[in-house]
Amino acid sequence: LYIAQPPLFKVKRGQSEQYLKDEHAMEDYLVDGGLDSASLVLADGETRTGADLHAVVESALRVRSLIDGLHSRYNRTVVEQAAIAGALNVERVADRDHAETAAAYVARRLDRIAEEWEKGWEGEVREDGAFVFSRTVRGVREAHVLDTNLIGSVDARRIDEHAAGLQEIYEKPAVLHRKDTETEVFGPSDLLDAVFSAGRKGISVQRYKGLGEMNAEQLWETTLDPNARTLLQVKVNEIDEAESIFSRLMGDVVEPRREFIQDNALSVANLDV
């Protein structure tokens, strides 16, 4: 059994057209375009270009993906700055003095990236070990909690594995130079925003929701031409096991499905719902 794999995007720059298979391919395309003639100058004067700069961007993509996978109750900007500060290391912040130092440092970093009228961040450590970062803007208090459920989680450990690299690049603001533009970056999200923005300049993007949106020529170029198409081969090696999985995940009985999700939740790398 073979399943056709049509592209998700068609990108046009000038007279050049290119089909891109999926979001990952689109991301790679934008990164390559955004890093053309680019350099990243760190606060100490060190300059990253070429493969070195590409590695910094790849690391930023991994960190962003990990942070985006967290529960929506956690503010992404606060988590990112905490990650740079090493405040997601459960062993380090178990020490009260270290935790309070980290909270103050994260608050200073949040002030650094805030607009002048939105500064005033404060960081504190609750008795239960959770971080609370708060500020008051126009009389309204805003507070974000990084609780012990997060700090002690597998996700936090994975993010903290990047802490040393994040501190090396973003301890102080770096500057991305590209052609005639300069952009100050305070963290991986800033860097990615700048790179993707540069990569999108001068291109038009068409996204396909299905084969029905393609004309005959596009169908031939992407899906029917044996010399160009991509096919996914589906194999069923263990028919009994396959039937068991389908029954468990798609059947009418809820409990086996719940047990499967609980048993395998931490092993999931990619989830398509």
Foldseek 3Di string as FASTA:
>chain_A
DKDFQFAFKWKDFPNDIDGHRDPVSVLVLLLVQLQVQKWKAAPVGDIDHDPRVVVVLVLLVVLLVLLVPDDPLADSLLLQLLLLLLVLAVVQLVDPVSVQVSQALSLVLVQVPDDPQFHDWGWDADPQGKIKIWGAHPNRIDIGIDHPCRSVDPSSVVSNVCNVVFNVGQVDWMWMDHDPDIDTDRGSVSVSVSSSVSSCPRMDMDGDPDPVVDDPVSCCQETVPPVHIDMDDDDDPDVVVVVVVCCQCPNPDPVSNVVVCVVCVVVDDDDDD
